[in-house]
Amino acid sequence: AAEGASSAEILKMTSGTLMKCIACHSAWQLKAAN
């Protein structure tokens, strides 16, 4: 963004990052120790 990427480029990068979030949330849950 600081180097002048287009909105489309930023959205593509963000979409790729969100796929990692989905992968993580699909694989793990956080459980508090008793």
PDB file of all heavy atoms in Angstrom:
ATOM      1  N   ALA A   1       0.834  -1.207   0.000  1.00  0.00           N
ATOM      2  CA  ALA A   1       0.000   0.000   0.000  1.00  0.00           C
ATOM      3  C   ALA A   1       0.869   1.257   0.000  1.00  0.00           C
ATOM      4  O   ALA A   1       0.587   2.207  -0.731  1.00  0.00           O
ATOM      5  CB  ALA A   1      -0.931  -0.007   1.212  1.00  0.00           C
ATOM      6  N   ALA A   2       1.924   1.254   0.795  1.00  0.00           N
ATOM      7  CA  ALA A   2       2.818   2.413   0.863  1.00  0.00           C
ATOM      8  C   ALA A   2       3.544   2.650  -0.459  1.00  0.00           C
ATOM      9  O   ALA A   2       3.902   3.785  -0.786  1.00  0.00           O
ATOM     10  CB  ALA A   2       3.833   2.231   1.992  1.00  0.00           C
ATOM     11  N   GLU A   3       3.731   1.571  -1.213  1.00  0.00           N
ATOM     12  CA  GLU A   3       4.423   1.680  -2.506  1.00  0.00           C
ATOM     13  C   GLU A   3       3.459   1.919  -3.662  1.00  0.00           C
ATOM     14  O   GLU A   3       3.862   1.866  -4.822  1.00  0.00           O
ATOM     15  CB  GLU A   3       5.265   0.426  -2.745  1.00  0.00           C
ATOM     16  CG  GLU A   3       6.430   0.314  -1.778  1.00  0.00           C
ATOM     17  CD  GLU A   3       7.221  -0.978  -1.920  1.00  0.00           C
ATOM     18  OE1 GLU A   3       6.780  -1.897  -2.658  1.00  0.00           O
ATOM     19  OE2 GLU A   3       8.283  -1.073  -1.270  1.00  0.00           O
ATOM     20  N   GLY A   4       2.182   2.138  -3.345  1.00  0.00           N
ATOM     21  CA  GLY A   4       1.219   2.513  -4.381  1.00  0.00           C
ATOM     22  C   GLY A   4       0.486   1.371  -5.058  1.00  0.00           C
ATOM     23  O   GLY A   4      -0.008   1.543  -6.176  1.00  0.00           O
ATOM     24  N   ALA A   5       0.380   0.237  -4.410  1.00  0.00           N
ATOM     25  CA  ALA A   5      -0.380  -0.868  -4.995  1.00  0.00           C
ATOM     26  C   ALA A   5      -1.826  -0.439  -5.229  1.00  0.00           C
ATOM     27  O   ALA A   5      -2.351   0.441  -4.538  1.00  0.00           O
ATOM     28  CB  ALA A   5      -0.350  -2.081  -4.068  1.00  0.00           C
ATOM     29  N   SER A   6      -2.462  -1.067  -6.190  1.00  0.00           N
ATOM     30  CA  SER A   6      -3.859  -0.757  -6.475  1.00  0.00           C
ATOM     31  C   SER A   6      -4.763  -1.413  -5.437  1.00  0.00           C
ATOM     32  O   SER A   6      -4.359  -2.352  -4.744  1.00  0.00           O
ATOM     33  CB  SER A   6      -4.241  -1.264  -7.866  1.00  0.00           C
ATOM     34  OG  SER A   6      -4.253  -2.689  -7.871  1.00  0.00           O
ATOM     35  N   SER A   7      -5.983  -0.931  -5.353  1.00  0.00           N
ATOM     36  CA  SER A   7      -6.962  -1.551  -4.453  1.00  0.00           C
ATOM     37  C   SER A   7      -7.155  -3.020  -4.800  1.00  0.00           C
ATOM     38  O   SER A   7      -7.273  -3.858  -3.912  1.00  0.00           O
ATOM     39  CB  SER A   7      -8.302  -0.809  -4.523  1.00  0.00           C
ATOM     40  OG  SER A   7      -8.183   0.470  -3.940  1.00  0.00           O
ATOM     41  N   ALA A   8      -7.173  -3.340  -6.087  1.00  0.00           N
ATOM     42  CA  ALA A   8      -7.349  -4.739  -6.506  1.00  0.00           C
ATOM     43  C   ALA A   8      -6.205  -5.611  -5.986  1.00  0.00           C
ATOM     44  O   ALA A   8      -6.436  -6.734  -5.530  1.00  0.00           O
ATOM     45  CB  ALA A   8      -7.448  -4.833  -8.027  1.00  0.00           C
ATOM     46  N   GLU A   9      -4.984  -5.099  -6.039  1.00  0.00           N
ATOM     47  CA  GLU A   9      -3.833  -5.857  -5.527  1.00  0.00           C
ATOM     48  C   GLU A   9      -3.951  -6.055  -4.017  1.00  0.00           C
ATOM     49  O   GLU A   9      -3.677  -7.153  -3.506  1.00  0.00           O
ATOM     50  CB  GLU A   9      -2.529  -5.133  -5.852  1.00  0.00           C
ATOM     51  CG  GLU A   9      -2.185  -5.120  -7.331  1.00  0.00           C
ATOM     52  CD  GLU A   9      -1.004  -4.218  -7.634  1.00  0.00           C
ATOM     53  OE1 GLU A   9      -1.145  -2.982  -7.450  1.00  0.00           O
ATOM     54  OE2 GLU A   9       0.041  -4.747  -8.050  1.00  0.00           O
ATOM     55  N   ILE A  10      -4.353  -5.003  -3.319  1.00  0.00           N
ATOM     56  CA  ILE A  10      -4.511  -5.097  -1.863  1.00  0.00           C
ATOM     57  C   ILE A  10      -5.598  -6.096  -1.515  1.00  0.00           C
ATOM     58  O   ILE A  10      -5.429  -6.926  -0.602  1.00  0.00           O
ATOM     59  CB  ILE A  10      -4.819  -3.707  -1.260  1.00  0.00           C
ATOM     60  CG1 ILE A  10      -3.643  -2.743  -1.468  1.00  0.00           C
ATOM     61  CG2 ILE A  10      -5.204  -3.816   0.212  1.00  0.00           C
ATOM     62  CD1 ILE A  10      -2.328  -3.162  -0.832  1.00  0.00           C
ATOM     63  N   LEU A  11      -6.703  -6.054  -2.230  1.00  0.00           N
ATOM     64  CA  LEU A  11      -7.796  -6.998  -1.957  1.00  0.00           C
ATOM     65  C   LEU A  11      -7.369  -8.439  -2.224  1.00  0.00           C
ATOM     66  O   LEU A  11      -7.727  -9.344  -1.459  1.00  0.00           O
ATOM     67  CB  LEU A  11      -9.028  -6.630  -2.777  1.00  0.00           C
ATOM     68  CG  LEU A  11      -9.700  -5.312  -2.394  1.00  0.00           C
ATOM     69  CD1 LEU A  11     -10.812  -4.978  -3.385  1.00  0.00           C
ATOM     70  CD2 LEU A  11     -10.221  -5.347  -0.963  1.00  0.00           C
ATOM     71  N   LYS A  12      -6.585  -8.655  -3.261  1.00  0.00           N
ATOM     72  CA  LYS A  12      -6.087 -10.004  -3.557  1.00  0.00           C
ATOM     73  C   LYS A  12      -5.165 -10.497  -2.437  1.00  0.00           C
ATOM     74  O   LYS A  12      -5.275 -11.637  -1.986  1.00  0.00           O
ATOM     75  CB  LYS A  12      -5.355 -10.018  -4.892  1.00  0.00           C
ATOM     76  CG  LYS A  12      -4.889 -11.398  -5.306  1.00  0.00           C
ATOM     77  CD  LYS A  12      -4.257 -11.372  -6.680  1.00  0.00           C
ATOM     78  CE  LYS A  12      -3.823 -12.788  -7.064  1.00  0.00           C
ATOM     79  NZ  LYS A  12      -3.215 -12.810  -8.393  1.00  0.00           N
ATOM     80  N   MET A  13      -4.284  -9.633  -1.964  1.00  0.00           N
ATOM     81  CA  MET A  13      -3.383 -10.004  -0.875  1.00  0.00           C
ATOM     82  C   MET A  13      -4.170 -10.304   0.399  1.00  0.00           C
ATOM     83  O   MET A  13      -3.889 -11.286   1.103  1.00  0.00           O
ATOM     84  CB  MET A  13      -2.367  -8.885  -0.612  1.00  0.00           C
ATOM     85  CG  MET A  13      -1.385  -8.650  -1.743  1.00  0.00           C
ATOM     86  SD  MET A  13      -0.354  -7.181  -1.487  1.00  0.00           S
ATOM     87  CE  MET A  13       0.799  -7.833  -0.260  1.00  0.00           C
ATOM     88  N   THR A  14      -5.161  -9.473   0.682  1.00  0.00           N
ATOM     89  CA  THR A  14      -5.976  -9.653   1.886  1.00  0.00           C
ATOM     90  C   THR A  14      -6.774 -10.938   1.807  1.00  0.00           C
ATOM     91  O   THR A  14      -6.902 -11.669   2.801  1.00  0.00           O
ATOM     92  CB  THR A  14      -6.895  -8.432   2.090  1.00  0.00           C
ATOM     93  OG1 THR A  14      -6.083  -7.250   2.126  1.00  0.00           O
ATOM     94  CG2 THR A  14      -7.679  -8.545   3.386  1.00  0.00           C
ATOM     95  N   SER A  15      -7.288 -11.256   0.635  1.00  0.00           N
ATOM     96  CA  SER A  15      -8.023 -12.504   0.455  1.00  0.00           C
ATOM     97  C   SER A  15      -7.131 -13.711   0.756  1.00  0.00           C
ATOM     98  O   SER A  15      -7.558 -14.665   1.429  1.00  0.00           O
ATOM     99  CB  SER A  15      -8.563 -12.586  -0.975  1.00  0.00           C
ATOM    100  OG  SER A  15      -9.244 -13.807  -1.182  1.00  0.00           O
ATOM    101  N   GLY A  16      -5.903 -13.674   0.280  1.00  0.00           N
ATOM    102  CA  GLY A  16      -4.961 -14.758   0.560  1.00  0.00           C
ATOM    103  C   GLY A  16      -4.671 -14.896   2.048  1.00  0.00           C
ATOM    104  O   GLY A  16      -4.575 -16.011   2.571  1.00  0.00           O
ATOM    105  N   THR A  17      -4.577 -13.777   2.719  1.00  0.00           N
ATOM    106  CA  THR A  17      -4.337 -13.800   4.161  1.00  0.00           C
ATOM    107  C   THR A  17      -5.546 -14.371   4.899  1.00  0.00           C
ATOM    108  O   THR A  17      -5.400 -15.171   5.830  1.00  0.00           O
ATOM    109  CB  THR A  17      -4.007 -12.388   4.674  1.00  0.00           C
ATOM    110  OG1 THR A  17      -2.841 -11.921   3.986  1.00  0.00           O
ATOM    111  CG2 THR A  17      -3.749 -12.383   6.171  1.00  0.00           C
ATOM    112  N   LEU A  18      -6.737 -13.985   4.485  1.00  0.00           N
ATOM    113  CA  LEU A  18      -7.946 -14.508   5.138  1.00  0.00           C
ATOM    114  C   LEU A  18      -8.082 -16.019   4.975  1.00  0.00           C
ATOM    115  O   LEU A  18      -8.651 -16.686   5.842  1.00  0.00           O
ATOM    116  CB  LEU A  18      -9.190 -13.789   4.609  1.00  0.00           C
ATOM    117  CG  LEU A  18      -9.405 -12.390   5.162  1.00  0.00           C
ATOM    118  CD1 LEU A  18     -10.546 -11.691   4.426  1.00  0.00           C
ATOM    119  CD2 LEU A  18      -9.683 -12.427   6.657  1.00  0.00           C
ATOM    120  N   MET A  19      -7.549 -16.567   3.894  1.00  0.00           N
ATOM    121  CA  MET A  19      -7.562 -18.028   3.726  1.00  0.00           C
ATOM    122  C   MET A  19      -6.767 -18.704   4.845  1.00  0.00           C
ATOM    123  O   MET A  19      -7.127 -19.788   5.299  1.00  0.00           O
ATOM    124  CB  MET A  19      -7.012 -18.422   2.354  1.00  0.00           C
ATOM    125  CG  MET A  19      -7.918 -18.009   1.197  1.00  0.00           C
ATOM    126  SD  MET A  19      -9.588 -18.709   1.295  1.00  0.00           S
ATOM    127  CE  MET A  19      -9.232 -20.436   1.160  1.00  0.00           C
ATOM    128  N   LYS A  20      -5.711 -18.062   5.302  1.00  0.00           N
ATOM    129  CA  LYS A  20      -4.923 -18.596   6.418  1.00  0.00           C
ATOM    130  C   LYS A  20      -5.728 -18.545   7.709  1.00  0.00           C
ATOM    131  O   LYS A  20      -5.666 -19.464   8.527  1.00  0.00           O
ATOM    132  CB  LYS A  20      -3.611 -17.825   6.567  1.00  0.00           C
ATOM    133  CG  LYS A  20      -2.678 -18.014   5.386  1.00  0.00           C
ATOM    134  CD  LYS A  20      -1.437 -17.160   5.516  1.00  0.00           C
ATOM    135  CE  LYS A  20      -0.546 -17.331   4.304  1.00  0.00           C
ATOM    136  NZ  LYS A  20       0.673 -16.513   4.408  1.00  0.00           N
ATOM    137  N   CYS A  21      -6.485 -17.468   7.892  1.00  0.00           N
ATOM    138  CA  CYS A  21      -7.346 -17.360   9.077  1.00  0.00           C
ATOM    139  C   CYS A  21      -8.373 -18.489   9.076  1.00  0.00           C
ATOM    140  O   CYS A  21      -8.604 -19.135  10.101  1.00  0.00           O
ATOM    141  CB  CYS A  21      -8.053 -16.012   9.111  1.00  0.00           C
ATOM    142  SG  CYS A  21      -6.948 -14.583   9.216  1.00  0.00           S
ATOM    143  N   ILE A  22      -8.974 -18.726   7.925  1.00  0.00           N
ATOM    144  CA  ILE A  22      -9.970 -19.796   7.807  1.00  0.00           C
ATOM    145  C   ILE A  22      -9.336 -21.147   8.102  1.00  0.00           C
ATOM    146  O   ILE A  22      -9.918 -21.962   8.823  1.00  0.00           O
ATOM    147  CB  ILE A  22     -10.615 -19.771   6.408  1.00  0.00           C
ATOM    148  CG1 ILE A  22     -11.482 -18.517   6.264  1.00  0.00           C
ATOM    149  CG2 ILE A  22     -11.426 -21.037   6.151  1.00  0.00           C
ATOM    150  CD1 ILE A  22     -11.931 -18.235   4.842  1.00  0.00           C
ATOM    151  N   ALA A  23      -8.145 -21.384   7.568  1.00  0.00           N
ATOM    152  CA  ALA A  23      -7.456 -22.653   7.814  1.00  0.00           C
ATOM    153  C   ALA A  23      -7.198 -22.864   9.297  1.00  0.00           C
ATOM    154  O   ALA A  23      -7.409 -23.961   9.832  1.00  0.00           O
ATOM    155  CB  ALA A  23      -6.143 -22.702   7.033  1.00  0.00           C
ATOM    156  N   CYS A  24      -6.762 -21.827   9.979  1.00  0.00           N
ATOM    157  CA  CYS A  24      -6.463 -21.920  11.403  1.00  0.00           C
ATOM    158  C   CYS A  24      -7.733 -22.187  12.206  1.00  0.00           C
ATOM    159  O   CYS A  24      -7.776 -23.093  13.043  1.00  0.00           O
ATOM    160  CB  CYS A  24      -5.776 -20.641  11.863  1.00  0.00           C
ATOM    161  SG  CYS A  24      -5.159 -20.709  13.556  1.00  0.00           S
ATOM    162  N   HIS A  25      -8.762 -21.403  11.955  1.00  0.00           N
ATOM    163  CA  HIS A  25     -10.010 -21.554  12.706  1.00  0.00           C
ATOM    164  C   HIS A  25     -10.708 -22.877  12.391  1.00  0.00           C
ATOM    165  O   HIS A  25     -11.468 -23.371  13.214  1.00  0.00           O
ATOM    166  CB  HIS A  25     -10.939 -20.367  12.443  1.00  0.00           C
ATOM    167  CG  HIS A  25     -10.506 -19.127  13.152  1.00  0.00           C
ATOM    168  ND1 HIS A  25     -10.997 -18.766  14.382  1.00  0.00           N
ATOM    169  CD2 HIS A  25      -9.593 -18.173  12.806  1.00  0.00           C
ATOM    170  CE1 HIS A  25     -10.418 -17.641  14.767  1.00  0.00           C
ATOM    171  NE2 HIS A  25      -9.560 -17.264  13.829  1.00  0.00           N
ATOM    172  N   SER A  26     -10.429 -23.450  11.227  1.00  0.00           N
ATOM    173  CA  SER A  26     -10.991 -24.749  10.873  1.00  0.00           C
ATOM    174  C   SER A  26     -10.273 -25.896  11.573  1.00  0.00           C
ATOM    175  O   SER A  26     -10.853 -26.962  11.784  1.00  0.00           O
ATOM    176  CB  SER A  26     -10.915 -24.965   9.352  1.00  0.00           C
ATOM    177  OG  SER A  26     -11.724 -24.029   8.686  1.00  0.00           O
ATOM    178  N   ALA A  27      -9.022 -25.679  11.927  1.00  0.00           N
ATOM    179  CA  ALA A  27      -8.209 -26.752  12.513  1.00  0.00           C
ATOM    180  C   ALA A  27      -8.175 -26.735  14.038  1.00  0.00           C
ATOM    181  O   ALA A  27      -8.057 -27.788  14.655  1.00  0.00           O
ATOM    182  CB  ALA A  27      -6.775 -26.670  11.977  1.00  0.00           C
ATOM    183  N   TRP A  28      -8.254 -25.557  14.642  1.00  0.00           N
ATOM    184  CA  TRP A  28      -8.045 -25.449  16.083  1.00  0.00           C
ATOM    185  C   TRP A  28      -9.153 -24.685  16.794  1.00  0.00           C
ATOM    186  O   TRP A  28      -9.803 -23.825  16.222  1.00  0.00           O
ATOM    187  CB  TRP A  28      -6.725 -24.754  16.396  1.00  0.00           C
ATOM    188  CG  TRP A  28      -5.552 -25.588  16.000  1.00  0.00           C
ATOM    189  CD1 TRP A  28      -5.089 -26.709  16.631  1.00  0.00           C
ATOM    190  CD2 TRP A  28      -4.713 -25.393  14.877  1.00  0.00           C
ATOM    191  NE1 TRP A  28      -4.002 -27.214  15.959  1.00  0.00           N
ATOM    192  CE2 TRP A  28      -3.754 -26.423  14.870  1.00  0.00           C
ATOM    193  CE3 TRP A  28      -4.673 -24.449  13.870  1.00  0.00           C
ATOM    194  CZ2 TRP A  28      -2.774 -26.535  13.909  1.00  0.00           C
ATOM    195  CZ3 TRP A  28      -3.692 -24.566  12.900  1.00  0.00           C
ATOM    196  CH2 TRP A  28      -2.758 -25.595  12.929  1.00  0.00           C
ATOM    197  N   GLN A  29      -9.292 -25.003  18.061  1.00  0.00           N
ATOM    198  CA  GLN A  29     -10.107 -24.221  18.980  1.00  0.00           C
ATOM    199  C   GLN A  29      -9.245 -23.946  20.212  1.00  0.00           C
ATOM    200  O   GLN A  29      -8.293 -24.663  20.473  1.00  0.00           O
ATOM    201  CB  GLN A  29     -11.394 -24.956  19.361  1.00  0.00           C
ATOM    202  CG  GLN A  29     -11.180 -26.276  20.075  1.00  0.00           C
ATOM    203  CD  GLN A  29     -12.481 -26.973  20.439  1.00  0.00           C
ATOM    204  OE1 GLN A  29     -12.595 -27.434  21.560  1.00  0.00           O
ATOM    205  NE2 GLN A  29     -13.423 -27.073  19.542  1.00  0.00           N
ATOM    206  N   LEU A  30      -9.553 -22.902  20.914  1.00  0.00           N
ATOM    207  CA  LEU A  30      -8.816 -22.567  22.131  1.00  0.00           C
ATOM    208  C   LEU A  30      -9.647 -22.971  23.327  1.00  0.00           C
ATOM    209  O   LEU A  30     -10.805 -22.566  23.448  1.00  0.00           O
ATOM    210  CB  LEU A  30      -8.500 -21.073  22.183  1.00  0.00           C
ATOM    211  CG  LEU A  30      -7.643 -20.543  21.035  1.00  0.00           C
ATOM    212  CD1 LEU A  30      -7.462 -19.044  21.162  1.00  0.00           C
ATOM    213  CD2 LEU A  30      -6.293 -21.240  20.981  1.00  0.00           C
ATOM    214  N   LYS A  31      -9.043 -23.758  24.197  1.00  0.00           N
ATOM    215  CA  LYS A  31      -9.735 -24.262  25.372  1.00  0.00           C
ATOM    216  C   LYS A  31      -9.035 -23.771  26.620  1.00  0.00           C
ATOM    217  O   LYS A  31      -7.809 -23.872  26.737  1.00  0.00           O
ATOM    218  CB  LYS A  31      -9.723 -25.797  25.342  1.00  0.00           C
ATOM    219  CG  LYS A  31     -10.385 -26.453  26.517  1.00  0.00           C
ATOM    220  CD  LYS A  31     -10.319 -27.972  26.385  1.00  0.00           C
ATOM    221  CE  LYS A  31     -10.927 -28.630  27.595  1.00  0.00           C
ATOM    222  NZ  LYS A  31     -10.827 -30.089  27.516  1.00  0.00           N
ATOM    223  N   ALA A  32      -9.794 -23.239  27.553  1.00  0.00           N
ATOM    224  CA  ALA A  32      -9.213 -22.802  28.818  1.00  0.00           C
ATOM    225  C   ALA A  32      -8.942 -24.012  29.701  1.00  0.00           C
ATOM    226  O   ALA A  32      -9.787 -24.905  29.826  1.00  0.00           O
ATOM    227  CB  ALA A  32     -10.146 -21.837  29.520  1.00  0.00           C
ATOM    228  N   ALA A  33      -7.755 -24.045  30.277  1.00  0.00           N
ATOM    229  CA  ALA A  33      -7.413 -25.124  31.210  1.00  0.00           C
ATOM    230  C   ALA A  33      -8.301 -25.030  32.450  1.00  0.00           C
ATOM    231  O   ALA A  33      -8.655 -23.945  32.885  1.00  0.00           O
ATOM    232  CB  ALA A  33      -5.929 -25.019  31.597  1.00  0.00           C
ATOM    233  N   ASN A  34      -8.644 -26.167  32.973  1.00  0.00           N
ATOM    234  CA  ASN A  34      -9.494 -26.198  34.196  1.00  0.00           C
ATOM    235  C   ASN A  34      -8.665 -26.027  35.444  1.00  0.00           C
ATOM    236  O   ASN A  34      -7.622 -26.399  35.626  1.00  0.00           O
ATOM    237  CB  ASN A  34     -10.262 -27.513  34.275  1.00  0.00           C
ATOM    238  CG  ASN A  34     -11.263 -27.614  33.130  1.00  0.00           C
ATOM    239  OD1 ASN A  34     -11.769 -26.597  32.664  1.00  0.00           O
ATOM    240  ND2 ASN A  34     -11.531 -28.806  32.693  1.00  0.00           N
TER     241      ASN A  34
END
